[in-house]
Amino acid sequence: MMYSCFRYMQERAKNTDHQKAKYMPAIFYKGSLILRGSLLCYMSTLCELKIMKQLIIMAIAGMLSASCSAIKVEEQIVQDFVKEKNLKNNPNASPAYLIEESGPSAKSLEYYQMAYADKSLPAGKKRIEVLPGSFKNWPIDENELAQLQESNKAGQSESWNSKNFNSLDIPIISRKDLEYEIARQVLPPTSSGNIISRPIVTADGKYALFYYYSFLPMSSIAKKVCLAKKVNNRWLIEAEFYDPNVFQ
């Protein structure tokens, strides 16, 4: 009887070991699948992170490129205007300087909007006068004007510095420093300051509006808004808008 019990227990232990040996490969196999799946998920996550990083870098590069492009357009508009008006070589306003504090960009759209609204009124009834008097081309209509006003709601940076230009015919100086140097007689009384706002360019890149006026220590000059047109890669003034009742 005791022998039979012993044999039963021996056979059961043997069967248990056999079952363990039978299922052990499956357990290891399932474990390897889980490990393999985890590695694949980890590698997939790394790839996604790498792609996201590349997309972010590309987006930042695109933003910087757009910003640099805008600066180049502004630079060219101002540089061409300085050349067209011969500001560097004007004997009655020499030496000439570009004032660091730019004019208000919003004035450009404000003047143009009033001139456009009053274009059918007779001379003397218009709030904003236009030069030349024969000007009939209005390249910015009401719809685009509204879009430009919306896109420029936040305003643009109101200062110039040398980083905005690769080259400029006239130097940049703050208005305070210019007036101080004239008062000290370091600069002659014929020195002129030229205030130019950051140009607002139309969607098609063919036209630009900017606010401008020049001043001398002992004189007042009318403020105006200039409409520039891009012709053969140069920006030329097509019209000037001014308020006859406003002087500086």
C-alpha atoms as a PDB file:
ATOM      1  CA  MET A   1       0.000   0.000   0.000  1.00  0.00           C
ATOM      2  CA  MET A   2       2.776   2.311   0.941  1.00  0.00           C
ATOM      3  CA  TYR A   3       4.626   1.301  -2.215  1.00  0.00           C
ATOM      4  CA  SER A   4       1.576   2.133  -4.352  1.00  0.00           C
ATOM      5  CA  CYS A   5       1.275   5.576  -2.779  1.00  0.00           C
ATOM      6  CA  PHE A   6       4.943   6.200  -3.352  1.00  0.00           C
ATOM      7  CA  ARG A   7       4.669   5.156  -7.008  1.00  0.00           C
ATOM      8  CA  TYR A   8       1.590   7.456  -7.434  1.00  0.00           C
ATOM      9  CA  MET A   9       3.415  10.439  -6.036  1.00  0.00           C
ATOM     10  CA  GLN A  10       6.469   9.707  -8.206  1.00  0.00           C
ATOM     11  CA  GLU A  11       4.377   9.439 -11.369  1.00  0.00           C
ATOM     12  CA  ARG A  12       2.498  12.691 -10.534  1.00  0.00           C
ATOM     13  CA  ALA A  13       5.723  14.575 -10.011  1.00  0.00           C
ATOM     14  CA  LYS A  14       7.021  13.235 -13.281  1.00  0.00           C
ATOM     15  CA  ASN A  15       3.852  14.326 -15.115  1.00  0.00           C
ATOM     16  CA  THR A  16       4.031  17.787 -13.485  1.00  0.00           C
ATOM     17  CA  ASP A  17       7.627  18.236 -14.640  1.00  0.00           C
ATOM     18  CA  HIS A  18       6.630  17.094 -18.097  1.00  0.00           C
ATOM     19  CA  GLN A  19       3.769  19.645 -18.229  1.00  0.00           C
ATOM     20  CA  LYS A  20       6.106  22.427 -17.098  1.00  0.00           C
ATOM     21  CA  ALA A  21       8.565  21.472 -19.787  1.00  0.00           C
ATOM     22  CA  LYS A  22       5.719  21.334 -22.298  1.00  0.00           C
ATOM     23  CA  TYR A  23       4.414  24.864 -21.589  1.00  0.00           C
ATOM     24  CA  MET A  24       7.714  26.593 -20.856  1.00  0.00           C
ATOM     25  CA  PRO A  25       8.579  27.258 -24.560  1.00  0.00           C
ATOM     26  CA  ALA A  26       5.162  28.829 -25.043  1.00  0.00           C
ATOM     27  CA  ILE A  27       5.743  31.090 -22.057  1.00  0.00           C
ATOM     28  CA  PHE A  28       9.151  32.114 -23.368  1.00  0.00           C
ATOM     29  CA  TYR A  29       7.682  32.571 -26.854  1.00  0.00           C
ATOM     30  CA  LYS A  30       4.915  34.825 -25.548  1.00  0.00           C
ATOM     31  CA  GLY A  31       7.481  36.786 -23.515  1.00  0.00           C
ATOM     32  CA  SER A  32       9.639  37.292 -26.576  1.00  0.00           C
ATOM     33  CA  LEU A  33       6.610  38.539 -28.514  1.00  0.00           C
ATOM     34  CA  ILE A  34       5.811  41.046 -25.776  1.00  0.00           C
ATOM     35  CA  LEU A  35       9.442  42.187 -25.662  1.00  0.00           C
ATOM     36  CA  ARG A  36       9.576  42.436 -29.441  1.00  0.00           C
ATOM     37  CA  GLY A  37       6.334  44.427 -29.501  1.00  0.00           C
ATOM     38  CA  SER A  38       7.666  46.798 -26.853  1.00  0.00           C
ATOM     39  CA  LEU A  39      10.850  47.362 -28.847  1.00  0.00           C
ATOM     40  CA  LEU A  40       8.843  48.047 -32.002  1.00  0.00           C
ATOM     41  CA  CYS A  41       6.637  50.546 -30.159  1.00  0.00           C
ATOM     42  CA  TYR A  42       9.725  52.235 -28.714  1.00  0.00           C
ATOM     43  CA  MET A  43      11.376  52.455 -32.146  1.00  0.00           C
ATOM     44  CA  SER A  44       8.135  53.747 -33.687  1.00  0.00           C
ATOM     45  CA  THR A  45       7.898  56.438 -30.989  1.00  0.00           C
ATOM     46  CA  LEU A  46      11.493  57.466 -31.632  1.00  0.00           C
ATOM     47  CA  CYS A  47      10.773  57.760 -35.366  1.00  0.00           C
ATOM     48  CA  GLU A  48       7.675  59.866 -34.695  1.00  0.00           C
ATOM     49  CA  LEU A  49       9.626  62.150 -32.357  1.00  0.00           C
ATOM     50  CA  LYS A  50      12.368  62.507 -34.966  1.00  0.00           C
ATOM     51  CA  ILE A  51       9.808  63.402 -37.657  1.00  0.00           C
ATOM     52  CA  MET A  52       8.114  65.911 -35.333  1.00  0.00           C
ATOM     53  CA  LYS A  53      11.498  67.472 -34.562  1.00  0.00           C
ATOM     54  CA  GLN A  54      12.255  67.792 -38.280  1.00  0.00           C
ATOM     55  CA  LEU A  55       8.819  69.348 -38.917  1.00  0.00           C
ATOM     56  CA  ILE A  56       9.330  71.868 -36.105  1.00  0.00           C
ATOM     57  CA  ILE A  57      12.779  72.788 -37.458  1.00  0.00           C
ATOM     58  CA  MET A  58      11.335  73.190 -40.947  1.00  0.00           C
ATOM     59  CA  ALA A  59       8.491  75.368 -39.616  1.00  0.00           C
ATOM     60  CA  ILE A  60      10.920  77.597 -37.701  1.00  0.00           C
ATOM     61  CA  ALA A  61      13.165  77.839 -40.757  1.00  0.00           C
ATOM     62  CA  GLY A  62      10.164  78.795 -42.867  1.00  0.00           C
ATOM     63  CA  MET A  63       9.154  81.504 -40.399  1.00  0.00           C
ATOM     64  CA  LEU A  64      12.696  82.887 -40.303  1.00  0.00           C
ATOM     65  CA  SER A  65      12.876  82.783 -44.101  1.00  0.00           C
ATOM     66  CA  ALA A  66       9.564  84.675 -44.379  1.00  0.00           C
ATOM     67  CA  SER A  67      10.800  87.232 -41.857  1.00  0.00           C
ATOM     68  CA  CYS A  68      14.080  87.693 -43.727  1.00  0.00           C
ATOM     69  CA  SER A  69      12.155  87.993 -46.987  1.00  0.00           C
ATOM     70  CA  ALA A  70       9.957  90.748 -45.514  1.00  0.00           C
ATOM     71  CA  ILE A  71      13.026  92.631 -44.310  1.00  0.00           C
ATOM     72  CA  LYS A  72      14.563  92.450 -47.781  1.00  0.00           C
ATOM     73  CA  VAL A  73      11.406  93.916 -49.363  1.00  0.00           C
ATOM     74  CA  GLU A  74      11.296  96.734 -46.813  1.00  0.00           C
ATOM     75  CA  GLU A  75      14.975  97.416 -47.349  1.00  0.00           C
ATOM     76  CA  GLN A  76      14.612  97.617 -51.096  1.00  0.00           C
ATOM     77  CA  ILE A  77      11.581  99.937 -50.888  1.00  0.00           C
ATOM     78  CA  VAL A  78      13.343 102.361 -48.541  1.00  0.00           C
ATOM     79  CA  GLN A  79      16.636 102.169 -50.420  1.00  0.00           C
ATOM     80  CA  ASP A  80      14.950 102.852 -53.766  1.00  0.00           C
ATOM     81  CA  PHE A  81      13.005 105.738 -52.252  1.00  0.00           C
ATOM     82  CA  VAL A  82      16.191 107.304 -50.831  1.00  0.00           C
ATOM     83  CA  LYS A  83      17.800 107.059 -54.266  1.00  0.00           C
ATOM     84  CA  GLU A  84      14.763 108.362 -56.164  1.00  0.00           C
ATOM     85  CA  LYS A  85      14.470 111.413 -53.902  1.00  0.00           C
ATOM     86  CA  ASN A  86      18.252 111.904 -54.012  1.00  0.00           C
ATOM     87  CA  LEU A  87      18.299 112.396 -50.248  1.00  0.00           C
ATOM     88  CA  LYS A  88      22.025 111.803 -49.985  1.00  0.00           C
ATOM     89  CA  ASN A  89      22.973 114.597 -52.399  1.00  0.00           C
ATOM     90  CA  ASN A  90      20.400 117.293 -51.619  1.00  0.00           C
ATOM     91  CA  PRO A  91      22.540 120.399 -50.855  1.00  0.00           C
ATOM     92  CA  ASN A  92      19.678 122.093 -49.005  1.00  0.00           C
ATOM     93  CA  ALA A  93      19.196 119.156 -46.624  1.00  0.00           C
ATOM     94  CA  SER A  94      22.640 117.714 -46.060  1.00  0.00           C
ATOM     95  CA  PRO A  95      23.739 115.542 -44.456  1.00  0.00           C
ATOM     96  CA  ALA A  96      20.595 113.428 -44.522  1.00  0.00           C
ATOM     97  CA  TYR A  97      19.737 110.753 -41.987  1.00  0.00           C
ATOM     98  CA  LEU A  98      17.141 108.026 -41.686  1.00  0.00           C
ATOM     99  CA  ILE A  99      15.513 108.435 -38.281  1.00  0.00           C
ATOM    100  CA  GLU A 100      15.634 105.304 -36.149  1.00  0.00           C
ATOM    101  CA  GLU A 101      12.069 105.789 -34.895  1.00  0.00           C
ATOM    102  CA  SER A 102       9.917 105.022 -37.904  1.00  0.00           C
ATOM    103  CA  GLY A 103       6.585 106.677 -38.645  1.00  0.00           C
ATOM    104  CA  PRO A 104       3.280 104.980 -37.796  1.00  0.00           C
ATOM    105  CA  SER A 105       2.393 102.317 -40.380  1.00  0.00           C
ATOM    106  CA  ALA A 106      -1.327 102.767 -39.689  1.00  0.00           C
ATOM    107  CA  LYS A 107      -1.163 106.279 -41.188  1.00  0.00           C
ATOM    108  CA  SER A 108      -0.406 104.740 -44.600  1.00  0.00           C
ATOM    109  CA  LEU A 109      -3.731 102.925 -44.731  1.00  0.00           C
ATOM    110  CA  GLU A 110      -5.608 105.806 -43.082  1.00  0.00           C
ATOM    111  CA  TYR A 111      -4.502 108.369 -45.692  1.00  0.00           C
ATOM    112  CA  TYR A 112      -5.103 106.020 -48.606  1.00  0.00           C
ATOM    113  CA  GLN A 113      -8.555 105.052 -47.316  1.00  0.00           C
ATOM    114  CA  MET A 114      -9.670 108.694 -47.056  1.00  0.00           C
ATOM    115  CA  ALA A 115      -8.227 109.542 -50.470  1.00  0.00           C
ATOM    116  CA  TYR A 116      -9.963 106.537 -52.013  1.00  0.00           C
ATOM    117  CA  ALA A 117     -13.294 107.434 -50.390  1.00  0.00           C
ATOM    118  CA  ASP A 118     -13.047 111.067 -51.594  1.00  0.00           C
ATOM    119  CA  LYS A 119     -11.710 110.328 -55.080  1.00  0.00           C
ATOM    120  CA  SER A 120     -14.945 111.473 -56.787  1.00  0.00           C
ATOM    121  CA  LEU A 121     -15.204 114.746 -54.880  1.00  0.00           C
ATOM    122  CA  PRO A 122     -14.210 118.026 -56.555  1.00  0.00           C
ATOM    123  CA  ALA A 123     -10.893 119.719 -55.761  1.00  0.00           C
ATOM    124  CA  GLY A 124     -10.944 121.532 -52.438  1.00  0.00           C
ATOM    125  CA  LYS A 125     -13.498 119.121 -50.960  1.00  0.00           C
ATOM    126  CA  LYS A 126     -11.159 116.208 -50.419  1.00  0.00           C
ATOM    127  CA  ARG A 127      -9.738 115.466 -46.997  1.00  0.00           C
ATOM    128  CA  ILE A 128      -6.569 114.076 -48.589  1.00  0.00           C
ATOM    129  CA  GLU A 129      -4.951 115.567 -51.673  1.00  0.00           C
ATOM    130  CA  VAL A 130      -3.200 113.419 -54.277  1.00  0.00           C
ATOM    131  CA  LEU A 131      -0.140 114.152 -56.388  1.00  0.00           C
ATOM    132  CA  PRO A 132       0.032 114.063 -59.287  1.00  0.00           C
ATOM    133  CA  GLY A 133      -3.421 115.515 -59.865  1.00  0.00           C
ATOM    134  CA  SER A 134      -3.826 113.278 -62.905  1.00  0.00           C
ATOM    135  CA  PHE A 135      -3.585 110.136 -60.758  1.00  0.00           C
ATOM    136  CA  LYS A 136      -6.464 107.804 -61.644  1.00  0.00           C
ATOM    137  CA  ASN A 137      -5.090 104.349 -60.897  1.00  0.00           C
ATOM    138  CA  TRP A 138      -6.283 102.956 -57.567  1.00  0.00           C
ATOM    139  CA  PRO A 139      -4.561  99.556 -57.300  1.00  0.00           C
ATOM    140  CA  ILE A 140      -5.845  98.862 -53.775  1.00  0.00           C
ATOM    141  CA  ASP A 141      -9.627  98.545 -53.653  1.00  0.00           C
ATOM    142  CA  GLU A 142     -11.898  98.497 -50.611  1.00  0.00           C
ATOM    143  CA  ASN A 143     -11.689  94.707 -50.162  1.00  0.00           C
ATOM    144  CA  GLU A 144      -7.901  94.557 -50.157  1.00  0.00           C
ATOM    145  CA  LEU A 145      -7.704  97.681 -48.030  1.00  0.00           C
ATOM    146  CA  ALA A 146      -9.855  95.936 -45.401  1.00  0.00           C
ATOM    147  CA  GLN A 147      -7.594  92.860 -45.562  1.00  0.00           C
ATOM    148  CA  LEU A 148      -4.462  94.970 -45.132  1.00  0.00           C
ATOM    149  CA  GLN A 149      -6.006  96.762 -42.168  1.00  0.00           C
ATOM    150  CA  GLU A 150      -6.918  93.430 -40.590  1.00  0.00           C
ATOM    151  CA  SER A 151      -3.463  91.916 -41.115  1.00  0.00           C
ATOM    152  CA  ASN A 152      -1.777  95.040 -39.713  1.00  0.00           C
ATOM    153  CA  LYS A 153      -3.993  95.385 -36.638  1.00  0.00           C
ATOM    154  CA  ALA A 154      -1.225  94.351 -34.283  1.00  0.00           C
ATOM    155  CA  GLY A 155       1.059  96.991 -35.767  1.00  0.00           C
ATOM    156  CA  GLN A 156       4.613  96.590 -36.887  1.00  0.00           C
ATOM    157  CA  SER A 157       7.883  97.295 -35.170  1.00  0.00           C
ATOM    158  CA  GLU A 158       8.294 101.034 -34.985  1.00  0.00           C
ATOM    159  CA  SER A 159      12.054 101.330 -35.328  1.00  0.00           C
ATOM    160  CA  TRP A 160      14.823 100.975 -37.878  1.00  0.00           C
ATOM    161  CA  ASN A 161      18.317  99.691 -37.269  1.00  0.00           C
ATOM    162  CA  SER A 162      21.296  98.670 -39.348  1.00  0.00           C
ATOM    163  CA  LYS A 163      20.217  95.022 -39.248  1.00  0.00           C
ATOM    164  CA  ASN A 164      17.332  95.910 -41.554  1.00  0.00           C
ATOM    165  CA  PHE A 165      19.726  96.869 -44.328  1.00  0.00           C
ATOM    166  CA  ASN A 166      22.598  95.379 -46.224  1.00  0.00           C
ATOM    167  CA  SER A 167      23.337  98.866 -47.509  1.00  0.00           C
ATOM    168  CA  LEU A 168      21.774 102.301 -47.226  1.00  0.00           C
ATOM    169  CA  ASP A 169      22.869 105.580 -48.832  1.00  0.00           C
ATOM    170  CA  ILE A 170      22.239 107.563 -45.658  1.00  0.00           C
ATOM    171  CA  PRO A 171      23.134 106.689 -42.038  1.00  0.00           C
ATOM    172  CA  ILE A 172      20.617 105.888 -39.300  1.00  0.00           C
ATOM    173  CA  ILE A 173      20.325 108.004 -36.164  1.00  0.00           C
ATOM    174  CA  SER A 174      17.735 108.597 -33.443  1.00  0.00           C
ATOM    175  CA  ARG A 175      15.866 111.877 -33.596  1.00  0.00           C
ATOM    176  CA  LYS A 176      17.101 112.798 -30.122  1.00  0.00           C
ATOM    177  CA  ASP A 177      20.747 112.263 -31.098  1.00  0.00           C
ATOM    178  CA  LEU A 178      20.314 114.198 -34.350  1.00  0.00           C
ATOM    179  CA  GLU A 179      18.840 117.203 -32.589  1.00  0.00           C
ATOM    180  CA  TYR A 180      21.507 116.980 -29.873  1.00  0.00           C
ATOM    181  CA  GLU A 181      24.380 116.920 -32.379  1.00  0.00           C
ATOM    182  CA  ILE A 182      22.886 119.887 -34.262  1.00  0.00           C
ATOM    183  CA  ALA A 183      22.520 121.834 -30.994  1.00  0.00           C
ATOM    184  CA  ARG A 184      26.174 121.124 -30.189  1.00  0.00           C
ATOM    185  CA  GLN A 185      27.072 122.302 -33.711  1.00  0.00           C
ATOM    186  CA  VAL A 186      28.692 118.951 -34.411  1.00  0.00           C
ATOM    187  CA  LEU A 187      26.299 118.707 -37.348  1.00  0.00           C
ATOM    188  CA  PRO A 188      25.342 121.663 -39.553  1.00  0.00           C
ATOM    189  CA  PRO A 189      21.862 123.245 -39.284  1.00  0.00           C
ATOM    190  CA  THR A 190      21.066 121.943 -42.771  1.00  0.00           C
ATOM    191  CA  SER A 191      21.072 118.372 -41.457  1.00  0.00           C
ATOM    192  CA  SER A 192      17.805 116.614 -42.222  1.00  0.00           C
ATOM    193  CA  GLY A 193      15.974 113.772 -40.576  1.00  0.00           C
ATOM    194  CA  ASN A 194      13.875 111.442 -42.717  1.00  0.00           C
ATOM    195  CA  ILE A 195      11.108 109.484 -41.043  1.00  0.00           C
ATOM    196  CA  ILE A 196       9.828 106.468 -42.972  1.00  0.00           C
ATOM    197  CA  SER A 197       7.327 103.926 -41.692  1.00  0.00           C
ATOM    198  CA  ARG A 198       7.633 100.244 -42.410  1.00  0.00           C
ATOM    199  CA  PRO A 199       6.046  99.692 -45.829  1.00  0.00           C
ATOM    200  CA  ILE A 200       2.787  97.753 -46.099  1.00  0.00           C
ATOM    201  CA  VAL A 201       2.963  95.572 -49.218  1.00  0.00           C
ATOM    202  CA  THR A 202      -0.064  94.340 -51.165  1.00  0.00           C
ATOM    203  CA  ALA A 203      -0.788  90.620 -51.465  1.00  0.00           C
ATOM    204  CA  ASP A 204       0.479  90.448 -55.053  1.00  0.00           C
ATOM    205  CA  GLY A 205       3.749  92.162 -54.064  1.00  0.00           C
ATOM    206  CA  LYS A 206       3.340  94.868 -56.709  1.00  0.00           C
ATOM    207  CA  TYR A 207       2.457  97.895 -54.552  1.00  0.00           C
ATOM    208  CA  ALA A 208       3.471  99.294 -51.191  1.00  0.00           C
ATOM    209  CA  LEU A 209       2.290 102.114 -48.943  1.00  0.00           C
ATOM    210  CA  PHE A 210       4.475 103.928 -46.429  1.00  0.00           C
ATOM    211  CA  TYR A 211       4.334 107.090 -44.367  1.00  0.00           C
ATOM    212  CA  TYR A 212       7.092 109.689 -44.851  1.00  0.00           C
ATOM    213  CA  TYR A 213       8.202 113.133 -43.877  1.00  0.00           C
ATOM    214  CA  SER A 214      11.467 115.002 -43.641  1.00  0.00           C
ATOM    215  CA  PHE A 215      12.365 117.781 -41.212  1.00  0.00           C
ATOM    216  CA  LEU A 216      15.053 120.407 -40.739  1.00  0.00           C
ATOM    217  CA  PRO A 217      15.758 122.173 -37.435  1.00  0.00           C
ATOM    218  CA  MET A 218      14.161 125.437 -38.546  1.00  0.00           C
ATOM    219  CA  SER A 219      11.527 124.327 -41.049  1.00  0.00           C
ATOM    220  CA  SER A 220       8.257 122.433 -41.335  1.00  0.00           C
ATOM    221  CA  ILE A 221       7.524 119.948 -44.085  1.00  0.00           C
ATOM    222  CA  ALA A 222       4.188 118.308 -44.894  1.00  0.00           C
ATOM    223  CA  LYS A 223       3.720 114.699 -43.945  1.00  0.00           C
ATOM    224  CA  LYS A 224       2.593 112.338 -46.681  1.00  0.00           C
ATOM    225  CA  VAL A 225       1.941 108.754 -47.647  1.00  0.00           C
ATOM    226  CA  CYS A 226       3.708 107.324 -50.683  1.00  0.00           C
ATOM    227  CA  LEU A 227       2.333 104.684 -53.018  1.00  0.00           C
ATOM    228  CA  ALA A 228       5.216 102.770 -54.588  1.00  0.00           C
ATOM    229  CA  LYS A 229       4.976 100.372 -57.514  1.00  0.00           C
ATOM    230  CA  LYS A 230       7.465  97.637 -58.332  1.00  0.00           C
ATOM    231  CA  VAL A 231       8.770  98.126 -61.883  1.00  0.00           C
ATOM    232  CA  ASN A 232      11.612  96.019 -63.265  1.00  0.00           C
ATOM    233  CA  ASN A 233      12.673  95.025 -59.741  1.00  0.00           C
ATOM    234  CA  ARG A 234      12.713  98.654 -58.569  1.00  0.00           C
ATOM    235  CA  TRP A 235      10.210 100.453 -56.363  1.00  0.00           C
ATOM    236  CA  LEU A 236       9.113 103.774 -57.882  1.00  0.00           C
ATOM    237  CA  ILE A 237       6.755 106.353 -56.389  1.00  0.00           C
ATOM    238  CA  GLU A 238       3.493 106.416 -58.304  1.00  0.00           C
ATOM    239  CA  ALA A 239       1.502 108.813 -56.094  1.00  0.00           C
ATOM    240  CA  GLU A 240       1.719 110.817 -52.880  1.00  0.00           C
ATOM    241  CA  PHE A 241      -1.183 111.465 -50.506  1.00  0.00           C
ATOM    242  CA  TYR A 242      -1.114 114.340 -48.017  1.00  0.00           C
ATOM    243  CA  ASP A 243      -3.365 116.287 -45.691  1.00  0.00           C
ATOM    244  CA  PRO A 244      -3.037 119.970 -46.670  1.00  0.00           C
ATOM    245  CA  ASN A 245      -3.931 121.044 -43.138  1.00  0.00           C
ATOM    246  CA  VAL A 246      -1.263 119.007 -41.321  1.00  0.00           C
ATOM    247  CA  PHE A 247       2.343 120.162 -41.050  1.00  0.00           C
ATOM    248  CA  GLN A 248       5.251 119.289 -38.825  1.00  0.00           C
END
